PDB file of all heavy atoms in Angstrom:
ATOM      1  N   LYS A   1       0.824  -1.204   0.000  1.00  0.00           N
ATOM      2  CA  LYS A   1       0.000   0.000   0.000  1.00  0.00           C
ATOM      3  C   LYS A   1       0.858   1.254   0.000  1.00  0.00           C
ATOM      4  O   LYS A   1       0.449   2.299  -0.496  1.00  0.00           O
ATOM      5  CB  LYS A   1      -0.939  -0.009   1.199  1.00  0.00           C
ATOM      6  CG  LYS A   1      -2.024  -1.065   1.092  1.00  0.00           C
ATOM      7  CD  LYS A   1      -3.025  -0.970   2.216  1.00  0.00           C
ATOM      8  CE  LYS A   1      -4.146  -1.971   2.011  1.00  0.00           C
ATOM      9  NZ  LYS A   1      -5.164  -1.896   3.064  1.00  0.00           N
ATOM     10  N   LEU A   2       2.044   1.161   0.581  1.00  0.00           N
ATOM     11  CA  LEU A   2       2.998   2.251   0.541  1.00  0.00           C
ATOM     12  C   LEU A   2       4.339   1.709   0.053  1.00  0.00           C
ATOM     13  O   LEU A   2       4.733   0.610   0.423  1.00  0.00           O
ATOM     14  CB  LEU A   2       3.177   2.883   1.923  1.00  0.00           C
ATOM     15  CG  LEU A   2       2.032   3.720   2.490  1.00  0.00           C
ATOM     16  CD1 LEU A   2       2.418   4.276   3.851  1.00  0.00           C
ATOM     17  CD2 LEU A   2       1.652   4.852   1.551  1.00  0.00           C
ATOM     18  N   PRO A   3       5.062   2.475  -0.750  1.00  0.00           N
ATOM     19  CA  PRO A   3       6.389   2.027  -1.184  1.00  0.00           C
ATOM     20  C   PRO A   3       7.414   2.216  -0.072  1.00  0.00           C
ATOM     21  O   PRO A   3       7.100   2.763   0.996  1.00  0.00           O
ATOM     22  CB  PRO A   3       6.681   2.961  -2.362  1.00  0.00           C
ATOM     23  CG  PRO A   3       5.953   4.217  -2.012  1.00  0.00           C
ATOM     24  CD  PRO A   3       4.686   3.770  -1.317  1.00  0.00           C
ATOM     25  N   GLN A   4       8.630   1.777  -0.315  1.00  0.00           N
ATOM     26  CA  GLN A   4       9.724   2.007   0.629  1.00  0.00           C
ATOM     27  C   GLN A   4      10.097   3.481   0.567  1.00  0.00           C
ATOM     28  O   GLN A   4      10.614   3.962  -0.432  1.00  0.00           O
ATOM     29  CB  GLN A   4      10.934   1.137   0.265  1.00  0.00           C
ATOM     30  CG  GLN A   4      12.129   1.291   1.197  1.00  0.00           C
ATOM     31  CD  GLN A   4      11.844   0.743   2.587  1.00  0.00           C
ATOM     32  OE1 GLN A   4      11.231  -0.309   2.716  1.00  0.00           O
ATOM     33  NE2 GLN A   4      12.297   1.448   3.604  1.00  0.00           N
ATOM     34  N   LEU A   5       9.818   4.222   1.637  1.00  0.00           N
ATOM     35  CA  LEU A   5      10.027   5.660   1.633  1.00  0.00           C
ATOM     36  C   LEU A   5      11.412   6.034   2.154  1.00  0.00           C
ATOM     37  O   LEU A   5      11.887   5.483   3.140  1.00  0.00           O
ATOM     38  CB  LEU A   5       8.966   6.345   2.500  1.00  0.00           C
ATOM     39  CG  LEU A   5       7.504   6.181   2.063  1.00  0.00           C
ATOM     40  CD1 LEU A   5       6.567   6.834   3.076  1.00  0.00           C
ATOM     41  CD2 LEU A   5       7.280   6.767   0.683  1.00  0.00           C
ATOM     42  N   THR A   6      12.040   6.983   1.469  1.00  0.00           N
ATOM     43  CA  THR A   6      13.315   7.537   1.913  1.00  0.00           C
ATOM     44  C   THR A   6      13.052   8.881   2.576  1.00  0.00           C
ATOM     45  O   THR A   6      12.536   9.809   1.948  1.00  0.00           O
ATOM     46  CB  THR A   6      14.276   7.727   0.732  1.00  0.00           C
ATOM     47  OG1 THR A   6      14.506   6.460   0.100  1.00  0.00           O
ATOM     48  CG2 THR A   6      15.603   8.301   1.204  1.00  0.00           C
ATOM     49  N   TYR A   7      13.392   8.979   3.844  1.00  0.00           N
ATOM     50  CA  TYR A   7      13.113  10.199   4.610  1.00  0.00           C
ATOM     51  C   TYR A   7      14.073  11.309   4.202  1.00  0.00           C
ATOM     52  O   TYR A   7      15.287  11.113   4.115  1.00  0.00           O
ATOM     53  CB  TYR A   7      13.246   9.893   6.106  1.00  0.00           C
ATOM     54  CG  TYR A   7      13.101  11.095   7.002  1.00  0.00           C
ATOM     55  CD1 TYR A   7      11.945  11.863   6.977  1.00  0.00           C
ATOM     56  CD2 TYR A   7      14.109  11.456   7.895  1.00  0.00           C
ATOM     57  CE1 TYR A   7      11.789  12.960   7.811  1.00  0.00           C
ATOM     58  CE2 TYR A   7      13.968  12.550   8.741  1.00  0.00           C
ATOM     59  CZ  TYR A   7      12.813  13.299   8.682  1.00  0.00           C
ATOM     60  OH  TYR A   7      12.665  14.390   9.508  1.00  0.00           O
ATOM     61  N   LEU A   8      13.522  12.511   3.947  1.00  0.00           N
ATOM     62  CA  LEU A   8      14.321  13.652   3.502  1.00  0.00           C
ATOM     63  C   LEU A   8      14.485  14.712   4.580  1.00  0.00           C
ATOM     64  O   LEU A   8      15.528  15.340   4.685  1.00  0.00           O
ATOM     65  CB  LEU A   8      13.668  14.300   2.270  1.00  0.00           C
ATOM     66  CG  LEU A   8      13.443  13.399   1.060  1.00  0.00           C
ATOM     67  CD1 LEU A   8      12.704  14.168  -0.028  1.00  0.00           C
ATOM     68  CD2 LEU A   8      14.762  12.857   0.536  1.00  0.00           C
ATOM     69  N   GLY A   9      13.436  14.934   5.358  1.00  0.00           N
ATOM     70  CA  GLY A   9      13.507  15.980   6.371  1.00  0.00           C
ATOM     71  C   GLY A   9      12.145  16.252   6.970  1.00  0.00           C
ATOM     72  O   GLY A   9      11.171  15.558   6.695  1.00  0.00           O
ATOM     73  N   GLN A  10      12.085  17.308   7.793  1.00  0.00           N
ATOM     74  CA  GLN A  10      10.872  17.641   8.521  1.00  0.00           C
ATOM     75  C   GLN A  10      10.514  19.098   8.240  1.00  0.00           C
ATOM     76  O   GLN A  10      11.388  19.969   8.208  1.00  0.00           O
ATOM     77  CB  GLN A  10      11.082  17.410  10.015  1.00  0.00           C
ATOM     78  CG  GLN A  10       9.822  17.314  10.841  1.00  0.00           C
ATOM     79  CD  GLN A  10      10.133  16.913  12.283  1.00  0.00           C
ATOM     80  OE1 GLN A  10      11.193  17.199  12.796  1.00  0.00           O
ATOM     81  NE2 GLN A  10       9.205  16.241  12.936  1.00  0.00           N
ATOM     82  N   LEU A  11       9.231  19.369   8.050  1.00  0.00           N
ATOM     83  CA  LEU A  11       8.763  20.707   7.730  1.00  0.00           C
ATOM     84  C   LEU A  11       7.887  21.229   8.860  1.00  0.00           C
ATOM     85  O   LEU A  11       6.912  20.567   9.252  1.00  0.00           O
ATOM     86  CB  LEU A  11       7.969  20.677   6.420  1.00  0.00           C
ATOM     87  CG  LEU A  11       7.384  22.000   5.918  1.00  0.00           C
ATOM     88  CD1 LEU A  11       8.499  22.975   5.538  1.00  0.00           C
ATOM     89  CD2 LEU A  11       6.468  21.749   4.720  1.00  0.00           C
ATOM     90  N   PHE A  12       8.227  22.398   9.389  1.00  0.00           N
ATOM     91  CA  PHE A  12       7.461  23.035  10.467  1.00  0.00           C
ATOM     92  C   PHE A  12       7.329  22.138  11.697  1.00  0.00           C
ATOM     93  O   PHE A  12       6.411  22.312  12.492  1.00  0.00           O
ATOM     94  CB  PHE A  12       6.058  23.421   9.988  1.00  0.00           C
ATOM     95  CG  PHE A  12       6.036  24.252   8.732  1.00  0.00           C
ATOM     96  CD1 PHE A  12       5.112  23.982   7.736  1.00  0.00           C
ATOM     97  CD2 PHE A  12       6.942  25.285   8.550  1.00  0.00           C
ATOM     98  CE1 PHE A  12       5.093  24.740   6.573  1.00  0.00           C
ATOM     99  CE2 PHE A  12       6.925  26.046   7.385  1.00  0.00           C
ATOM    100  CZ  PHE A  12       5.994  25.771   6.397  1.00  0.00           C
ATOM    101  N   GLY A  13       8.215  21.189  11.866  1.00  0.00           N
ATOM    102  CA  GLY A  13       8.132  20.291  13.007  1.00  0.00           C
ATOM    103  C   GLY A  13       6.899  19.423  13.004  1.00  0.00           C
ATOM    104  O   GLY A  13       6.562  18.796  14.011  1.00  0.00           O
ATOM    105  N   THR A  14       6.198  19.348  11.872  1.00  0.00           N
ATOM    106  CA  THR A  14       4.900  18.676  11.814  1.00  0.00           C
ATOM    107  C   THR A  14       4.783  17.704  10.651  1.00  0.00           C
ATOM    108  O   THR A  14       4.180  16.638  10.786  1.00  0.00           O
ATOM    109  CB  THR A  14       3.764  19.718  11.689  1.00  0.00           C
ATOM    110  OG1 THR A  14       3.826  20.596  12.814  1.00  0.00           O
ATOM    111  CG2 THR A  14       2.398  19.061  11.626  1.00  0.00           C
ATOM    112  N   TYR A  15       5.389  18.049   9.509  1.00  0.00           N
ATOM    113  CA  TYR A  15       5.234  17.247   8.302  1.00  0.00           C
ATOM    114  C   TYR A  15       6.560  16.599   7.917  1.00  0.00           C
ATOM    115  O   TYR A  15       7.616  17.243   7.944  1.00  0.00           O
ATOM    116  CB  TYR A  15       4.718  18.108   7.142  1.00  0.00           C
ATOM    117  CG  TYR A  15       3.429  18.810   7.472  1.00  0.00           C
ATOM    118  CD1 TYR A  15       3.419  20.156   7.834  1.00  0.00           C
ATOM    119  CD2 TYR A  15       2.221  18.113   7.469  1.00  0.00           C
ATOM    120  CE1 TYR A  15       2.237  20.794   8.175  1.00  0.00           C
ATOM    121  CE2 TYR A  15       1.037  18.743   7.810  1.00  0.00           C
ATOM    122  CZ  TYR A  15       1.055  20.081   8.158  1.00  0.00           C
ATOM    123  OH  TYR A  15      -0.110  20.703   8.497  1.00  0.00           O
ATOM    124  N   LEU A  16       6.478  15.317   7.575  1.00  0.00           N
ATOM    125  CA  LEU A  16       7.654  14.564   7.170  1.00  0.00           C
ATOM    126  C   LEU A  16       7.752  14.584   5.649  1.00  0.00           C
ATOM    127  O   LEU A  16       6.755  14.385   4.953  1.00  0.00           O
ATOM    128  CB  LEU A  16       7.570  13.122   7.668  1.00  0.00           C
ATOM    129  CG  LEU A  16       7.268  12.945   9.160  1.00  0.00           C
ATOM    130  CD1 LEU A  16       7.164  11.465   9.504  1.00  0.00           C
ATOM    131  CD2 LEU A  16       8.321  13.631  10.015  1.00  0.00           C
ATOM    132  N   LEU A  17       8.944  14.808   5.132  1.00  0.00           N
ATOM    133  CA  LEU A  17       9.185  14.836   3.699  1.00  0.00           C
ATOM    134  C   LEU A  17       9.903  13.545   3.308  1.00  0.00           C
ATOM    135  O   LEU A  17      10.890  13.162   3.926  1.00  0.00           O
ATOM    136  CB  LEU A  17      10.042  16.044   3.314  1.00  0.00           C
ATOM    137  CG  LEU A  17       9.612  17.398   3.904  1.00  0.00           C
ATOM    138  CD1 LEU A  17      10.563  18.503   3.447  1.00  0.00           C
ATOM    139  CD2 LEU A  17       8.187  17.725   3.516  1.00  0.00           C
ATOM    140  N   ALA A  18       9.391  12.884   2.297  1.00  0.00           N
ATOM    141  CA  ALA A  18       9.975  11.606   1.877  1.00  0.00           C
ATOM    142  C   ALA A  18       9.800  11.439   0.380  1.00  0.00           C
ATOM    143  O   ALA A  18       9.007  12.135  -0.261  1.00  0.00           O
ATOM    144  CB  ALA A  18       9.316  10.443   2.624  1.00  0.00           C
ATOM    145  N   GLN A  19      10.551  10.502  -0.195  1.00  0.00           N
ATOM    146  CA  GLN A  19      10.418  10.223  -1.617  1.00  0.00           C
ATOM    147  C   GLN A  19      10.577   8.745  -1.886  1.00  0.00           C
ATOM    148  O   GLN A  19      11.158   7.999  -1.089  1.00  0.00           O
ATOM    149  CB  GLN A  19      11.444  11.004  -2.438  1.00  0.00           C
ATOM    150  CG  GLN A  19      12.875  10.476  -2.336  1.00  0.00           C
ATOM    151  CD  GLN A  19      13.816  11.213  -3.261  1.00  0.00           C
ATOM    152  OE1 GLN A  19      13.776  12.435  -3.346  1.00  0.00           O
ATOM    153  NE2 GLN A  19      14.674  10.483  -3.938  1.00  0.00           N
ATOM    154  N   ALA A  20      10.016   8.310  -2.998  1.00  0.00           N
ATOM    155  CA  ALA A  20      10.179   6.942  -3.488  1.00  0.00           C
ATOM    156  C   ALA A  20      10.040   7.007  -5.004  1.00  0.00           C
ATOM    157  O   ALA A  20       9.072   7.576  -5.517  1.00  0.00           O
ATOM    158  CB  ALA A  20       9.128   6.016  -2.895  1.00  0.00           C
ATOM    159  N   ASP A  21      11.029   6.464  -5.699  1.00  0.00           N
ATOM    160  CA  ASP A  21      11.058   6.541  -7.158  1.00  0.00           C
ATOM    161  C   ASP A  21      10.985   8.011  -7.572  1.00  0.00           C
ATOM    162  O   ASP A  21      11.803   8.802  -7.147  1.00  0.00           O
ATOM    163  CB  ASP A  21       9.918   5.717  -7.769  1.00  0.00           C
ATOM    164  CG  ASP A  21      10.039   4.242  -7.397  1.00  0.00           C
ATOM    165  OD1 ASP A  21      11.184   3.761  -7.327  1.00  0.00           O
ATOM    166  OD2 ASP A  21       9.006   3.595  -7.166  1.00  0.00           O
ATOM    167  N   GLU A  22       9.992   8.386  -8.362  1.00  0.00           N
ATOM    168  CA  GLU A  22       9.876   9.768  -8.817  1.00  0.00           C
ATOM    169  C   GLU A  22       8.646  10.443  -8.215  1.00  0.00           C
ATOM    170  O   GLU A  22       7.992  11.268  -8.852  1.00  0.00           O
ATOM    171  CB  GLU A  22       9.828   9.834 -10.346  1.00  0.00           C
ATOM    172  CG  GLU A  22      11.137   9.411 -10.994  1.00  0.00           C
ATOM    173  CD  GLU A  22      11.183   9.750 -12.468  1.00  0.00           C
ATOM    174  OE1 GLU A  22      10.118  10.063 -13.031  1.00  0.00           O
ATOM    175  OE2 GLU A  22      12.282   9.728 -13.037  1.00  0.00           O
ATOM    176  N   ILE A  23       8.361  10.103  -6.978  1.00  0.00           N
ATOM    177  CA  ILE A  23       7.212  10.677  -6.284  1.00  0.00           C
ATOM    178  C   ILE A  23       7.662  11.265  -4.945  1.00  0.00           C
ATOM    179  O   ILE A  23       8.444  10.651  -4.208  1.00  0.00           O
ATOM    180  CB  ILE A  23       6.112   9.621  -6.054  1.00  0.00           C
ATOM    181  CG1 ILE A  23       5.611   9.087  -7.402  1.00  0.00           C
ATOM    182  CG2 ILE A  23       4.947  10.212  -5.271  1.00  0.00           C
ATOM    183  CD1 ILE A  23       4.542   8.032  -7.288  1.00  0.00           C
ATOM    184  N   PHE A  24       7.185  12.450  -4.660  1.00  0.00           N
ATOM    185  CA  PHE A  24       7.478  13.151  -3.413  1.00  0.00           C
ATOM    186  C   PHE A  24       6.280  13.019  -2.478  1.00  0.00           C
ATOM    187  O   PHE A  24       5.131  13.209  -2.903  1.00  0.00           O
ATOM    188  CB  PHE A  24       7.774  14.627  -3.706  1.00  0.00           C
ATOM    189  CG  PHE A  24       7.850  15.500  -2.490  1.00  0.00           C
ATOM    190  CD1 PHE A  24       8.893  15.375  -1.585  1.00  0.00           C
ATOM    191  CD2 PHE A  24       6.885  16.470  -2.249  1.00  0.00           C
ATOM    192  CE1 PHE A  24       8.965  16.176  -0.458  1.00  0.00           C
ATOM    193  CE2 PHE A  24       6.945  17.282  -1.127  1.00  0.00           C
ATOM    194  CZ  PHE A  24       7.992  17.137  -0.236  1.00  0.00           C
ATOM    195  N   TYR A  25       6.533  12.718  -1.199  1.00  0.00           N
ATOM    196  CA  TYR A  25       5.459  12.491  -0.233  1.00  0.00           C
ATOM    197  C   TYR A  25       5.552  13.484   0.916  1.00  0.00           C
ATOM    198  O   TYR A  25       6.642  13.791   1.412  1.00  0.00           O
ATOM    199  CB  TYR A  25       5.537  11.073   0.337  1.00  0.00           C
ATOM    200  CG  TYR A  25       5.294   9.997  -0.686  1.00  0.00           C
ATOM    201  CD1 TYR A  25       6.345   9.463  -1.417  1.00  0.00           C
ATOM    202  CD2 TYR A  25       4.019   9.503  -0.931  1.00  0.00           C
ATOM    203  CE1 TYR A  25       6.135   8.470  -2.364  1.00  0.00           C
ATOM    204  CE2 TYR A  25       3.791   8.519  -1.875  1.00  0.00           C
ATOM    205  CZ  TYR A  25       4.851   8.003  -2.593  1.00  0.00           C
ATOM    206  OH  TYR A  25       4.636   7.029  -3.528  1.00  0.00           O
ATOM    207  N   LEU A  26       4.380  13.953   1.341  1.00  0.00           N
ATOM    208  CA  LEU A  26       4.258  14.840   2.491  1.00  0.00           C
ATOM    209  C   LEU A  26       3.371  14.129   3.509  1.00  0.00           C
ATOM    210  O   LEU A  26       2.237  13.772   3.211  1.00  0.00           O
ATOM    211  CB  LEU A  26       3.616  16.156   2.050  1.00  0.00           C
ATOM    212  CG  LEU A  26       3.650  17.351   2.996  1.00  0.00           C
ATOM    213  CD1 LEU A  26       5.090  17.749   3.302  1.00  0.00           C
ATOM    214  CD2 LEU A  26       2.901  18.538   2.380  1.00  0.00           C
ATOM    215  N   ILE A  27       3.906  13.895   4.718  1.00  0.00           N
ATOM    216  CA  ILE A  27       3.229  13.060   5.707  1.00  0.00           C
ATOM    217  C   ILE A  27       2.999  13.847   6.992  1.00  0.00           C
ATOM    218  O   ILE A  27       3.918  14.457   7.532  1.00  0.00           O
ATOM    219  CB  ILE A  27       4.085  11.806   6.020  1.00  0.00           C
ATOM    220  CG1 ILE A  27       4.349  11.023   4.730  1.00  0.00           C
ATOM    221  CG2 ILE A  27       3.416  10.927   7.066  1.00  0.00           C
ATOM    222  CD1 ILE A  27       5.645  10.276   4.730  1.00  0.00           C
ATOM    223  N   ASP A  28       1.763  13.824   7.478  1.00  0.00           N
ATOM    224  CA  ASP A  28       1.423  14.439   8.761  1.00  0.00           C
ATOM    225  C   ASP A  28       1.864  13.473   9.864  1.00  0.00           C
ATOM    226  O   ASP A  28       1.299  12.388  10.014  1.00  0.00           O
ATOM    227  CB  ASP A  28      -0.086  14.683   8.822  1.00  0.00           C
ATOM    228  CG  ASP A  28      -0.519  15.410  10.094  1.00  0.00           C
ATOM    229  OD1 ASP A  28       0.047  15.122  11.165  1.00  0.00           O
ATOM    230  OD2 ASP A  28      -1.432  16.241  10.017  1.00  0.00           O
ATOM    231  N   GLN A  29       2.879  13.860  10.649  1.00  0.00           N
ATOM    232  CA  GLN A  29       3.463  12.923  11.609  1.00  0.00           C
ATOM    233  C   GLN A  29       2.484  12.526  12.712  1.00  0.00           C
ATOM    234  O   GLN A  29       2.489  11.375  13.165  1.00  0.00           O
ATOM    235  CB  GLN A  29       4.741  13.500  12.220  1.00  0.00           C
ATOM    236  CG  GLN A  29       4.552  14.729  13.085  1.00  0.00           C
ATOM    237  CD  GLN A  29       5.879  15.283  13.573  1.00  0.00           C
ATOM    238  OE1 GLN A  29       6.902  15.157  12.901  1.00  0.00           O
ATOM    239  NE2 GLN A  29       5.878  15.904  14.745  1.00  0.00           N
ATOM    240  N   HIS A  30       1.624  13.450  13.141  1.00  0.00           N
ATOM    241  CA  HIS A  30       0.648  13.097  14.185  1.00  0.00           C
ATOM    242  C   HIS A  30      -0.394  12.136  13.632  1.00  0.00           C
ATOM    243  O   HIS A  30      -0.738  11.140  14.286  1.00  0.00           O
ATOM    244  CB  HIS A  30      -0.039  14.341  14.738  1.00  0.00           C
ATOM    245  CG  HIS A  30      -1.149  14.024  15.697  1.00  0.00           C
ATOM    246  ND1 HIS A  30      -0.921  13.521  16.967  1.00  0.00           N
ATOM    247  CD2 HIS A  30      -2.501  14.110  15.567  1.00  0.00           C
ATOM    248  CE1 HIS A  30      -2.079  13.326  17.574  1.00  0.00           C
ATOM    249  NE2 HIS A  30      -3.055  13.666  16.745  1.00  0.00           N
ATOM    250  N   ALA A  31      -0.910  12.424  12.443  1.00  0.00           N
ATOM    251  CA  ALA A  31      -1.920  11.550  11.840  1.00  0.00           C
ATOM    252  C   ALA A  31      -1.345  10.162  11.576  1.00  0.00           C
ATOM    253  O   ALA A  31      -2.025   9.148  11.767  1.00  0.00           O
ATOM    254  CB  ALA A  31      -2.441  12.165  10.540  1.00  0.00           C
ATOM    255  N   ALA A  32      -0.075  10.098  11.154  1.00  0.00           N
ATOM    256  CA  ALA A  32       0.564   8.804  10.896  1.00  0.00           C
ATOM    257  C   ALA A  32       0.701   8.004  12.185  1.00  0.00           C
ATOM    258  O   ALA A  32       0.374   6.814  12.242  1.00  0.00           O
ATOM    259  CB  ALA A  32       1.936   9.018  10.250  1.00  0.00           C
ATOM    260  N   ALA A  33       1.202   8.658  13.243  1.00  0.00           N
ATOM    261  CA  ALA A  33       1.365   7.969  14.527  1.00  0.00           C
ATOM    262  C   ALA A  33       0.020   7.550  15.097  1.00  0.00           C
ATOM    263  O   ALA A  33      -0.117   6.473  15.693  1.00  0.00           O
ATOM    264  CB  ALA A  33       2.093   8.886  15.516  1.00  0.00           C
ATOM    265  N   GLU A  34      -0.996   8.383  14.882  1.00  0.00           N
ATOM    266  CA  GLU A  34      -2.331   8.077  15.385  1.00  0.00           C
ATOM    267  C   GLU A  34      -2.891   6.832  14.699  1.00  0.00           C
ATOM    268  O   GLU A  34      -3.502   5.976  15.340  1.00  0.00           O
ATOM    269  CB  GLU A  34      -3.251   9.276  15.137  1.00  0.00           C
ATOM    270  CG  GLU A  34      -4.446   9.334  16.061  1.00  0.00           C
ATOM    271  CD  GLU A  34      -5.225  10.623  15.889  1.00  0.00           C
ATOM    272  OE1 GLU A  34      -5.155  11.240  14.809  1.00  0.00           O
ATOM    273  OE2 GLU A  34      -5.919  11.005  16.834  1.00  0.00           O
ATOM    274  N   ARG A  35      -2.691   6.725  13.388  1.00  0.00           N
ATOM    275  CA  ARG A  35      -3.151   5.537  12.657  1.00  0.00           C
ATOM    276  C   ARG A  35      -2.463   4.282  13.164  1.00  0.00           C
ATOM    277  O   ARG A  35      -3.106   3.255  13.400  1.00  0.00           O
ATOM    278  CB  ARG A  35      -2.887   5.735  11.161  1.00  0.00           C
ATOM    279  CG  ARG A  35      -2.930   4.469  10.321  1.00  0.00           C
ATOM    280  CD  ARG A  35      -4.222   3.707  10.441  1.00  0.00           C
ATOM    281  NE  ARG A  35      -5.396   4.466  10.066  1.00  0.00           N
ATOM    282  CZ  ARG A  35      -6.631   3.971  10.104  1.00  0.00           C
ATOM    283  NH1 ARG A  35      -6.836   2.717  10.540  1.00  0.00           N
ATOM    284  NH2 ARG A  35      -7.671   4.711   9.762  1.00  0.00           N
ATOM    285  N   ILE A  36      -1.150   4.342  13.363  1.00  0.00           N
ATOM    286  CA  ILE A  36      -0.375   3.194  13.849  1.00  0.00           C
ATOM    287  C   ILE A  36      -0.879   2.760  15.225  1.00  0.00           C
ATOM    288  O   ILE A  36      -1.173   1.588  15.464  1.00  0.00           O
ATOM    289  CB  ILE A  36       1.122   3.546  13.919  1.00  0.00           C
ATOM    290  CG1 ILE A  36       1.670   3.818  12.514  1.00  0.00           C
ATOM    291  CG2 ILE A  36       1.913   2.420  14.591  1.00  0.00           C
ATOM    292  CD1 ILE A  36       3.026   4.498  12.519  1.00  0.00           C
ATOM    293  N   ASN A  37      -0.978   3.723  16.143  1.00  0.00           N
ATOM    294  CA  ASN A  37      -1.387   3.406  17.509  1.00  0.00           C
ATOM    295  C   ASN A  37      -2.830   2.933  17.577  1.00  0.00           C
ATOM    296  O   ASN A  37      -3.152   2.031  18.356  1.00  0.00           O
ATOM    297  CB  ASN A  37      -1.190   4.631  18.404  1.00  0.00           C
ATOM    298  CG  ASN A  37       0.266   4.949  18.642  1.00  0.00           C
ATOM    299  OD1 ASN A  37       1.100   4.043  18.700  1.00  0.00           O
ATOM    300  ND2 ASN A  37       0.594   6.216  18.760  1.00  0.00           N
ATOM    301  N   TYR A  38      -3.696   3.537  16.775  1.00  0.00           N
ATOM    302  CA  TYR A  38      -5.109   3.137  16.775  1.00  0.00           C
ATOM    303  C   TYR A  38      -5.258   1.667  16.417  1.00  0.00           C
ATOM    304  O   TYR A  38      -5.970   0.921  17.115  1.00  0.00           O
ATOM    305  CB  TYR A  38      -5.900   4.002  15.793  1.00  0.00           C
ATOM    306  CG  TYR A  38      -7.228   3.402  15.411  1.00  0.00           C
ATOM    307  CD1 TYR A  38      -8.306   3.418  16.293  1.00  0.00           C
ATOM    308  CD2 TYR A  38      -7.405   2.785  14.171  1.00  0.00           C
ATOM    309  CE1 TYR A  38      -9.525   2.846  15.950  1.00  0.00           C
ATOM    310  CE2 TYR A  38      -8.612   2.214  13.818  1.00  0.00           C
ATOM    311  CZ  TYR A  38      -9.670   2.244  14.705  1.00  0.00           C
ATOM    312  OH  TYR A  38     -10.866   1.663  14.358  1.00  0.00           O
ATOM    313  N   GLU A  39      -4.621   1.231  15.346  1.00  0.00           N
ATOM    314  CA  GLU A  39      -4.782  -0.163  14.919  1.00  0.00           C
ATOM    315  C   GLU A  39      -4.209  -1.128  15.958  1.00  0.00           C
ATOM    316  O   GLU A  39      -4.794  -2.186  16.227  1.00  0.00           O
ATOM    317  CB  GLU A  39      -4.130  -0.370  13.550  1.00  0.00           C
ATOM    318  CG  GLU A  39      -4.867   0.358  12.437  1.00  0.00           C
ATOM    319  CD  GLU A  39      -4.457  -0.091  11.045  1.00  0.00           C
ATOM    320  OE1 GLU A  39      -3.681  -1.080  10.934  1.00  0.00           O
ATOM    321  OE2 GLU A  39      -4.913   0.522  10.067  1.00  0.00           O
ATOM    322  N   LYS A  40      -3.081  -0.771  16.555  1.00  0.00           N
ATOM    323  CA  LYS A  40      -2.485  -1.642  17.570  1.00  0.00           C
ATOM    324  C   LYS A  40      -3.371  -1.717  18.820  1.00  0.00           C
ATOM    325  O   LYS A  40      -3.614  -2.803  19.368  1.00  0.00           O
ATOM    326  CB  LYS A  40      -1.089  -1.142  17.939  1.00  0.00           C
ATOM    327  CG  LYS A  40      -0.044  -1.324  16.834  1.00  0.00           C
ATOM    328  CD  LYS A  40       1.324  -0.865  17.299  1.00  0.00           C
ATOM    329  CE  LYS A  40       2.373  -1.131  16.225  1.00  0.00           C
ATOM    330  NZ  LYS A  40       3.727  -0.681  16.665  1.00  0.00           N
ATOM    331  N   ILE A  41      -3.846  -0.568  19.285  1.00  0.00           N
ATOM    332  CA  ILE A  41      -4.672  -0.535  20.497  1.00  0.00           C
ATOM    333  C   ILE A  41      -5.997  -1.243  20.266  1.00  0.00           C
ATOM    334  O   ILE A  41      -6.477  -1.999  21.125  1.00  0.00           O
ATOM    335  CB  ILE A  41      -4.899   0.927  20.939  1.00  0.00           C
ATOM    336  CG1 ILE A  41      -3.585   1.531  21.434  1.00  0.00           C
ATOM    337  CG2 ILE A  41      -5.956   1.002  22.038  1.00  0.00           C
ATOM    338  CD1 ILE A  41      -3.659   3.021  21.718  1.00  0.00           C
TER     339      ILE A  41
END
């Protein structure tokens, strides 16, 4: 569902910047952590 992401940096202390192949990804770090924790809990 997600490719192997290469982490590039952090924006505004909130968004993670990553890339895979020729695609750039912007990730909300709180929303990502919330999804991970929700499914586990």
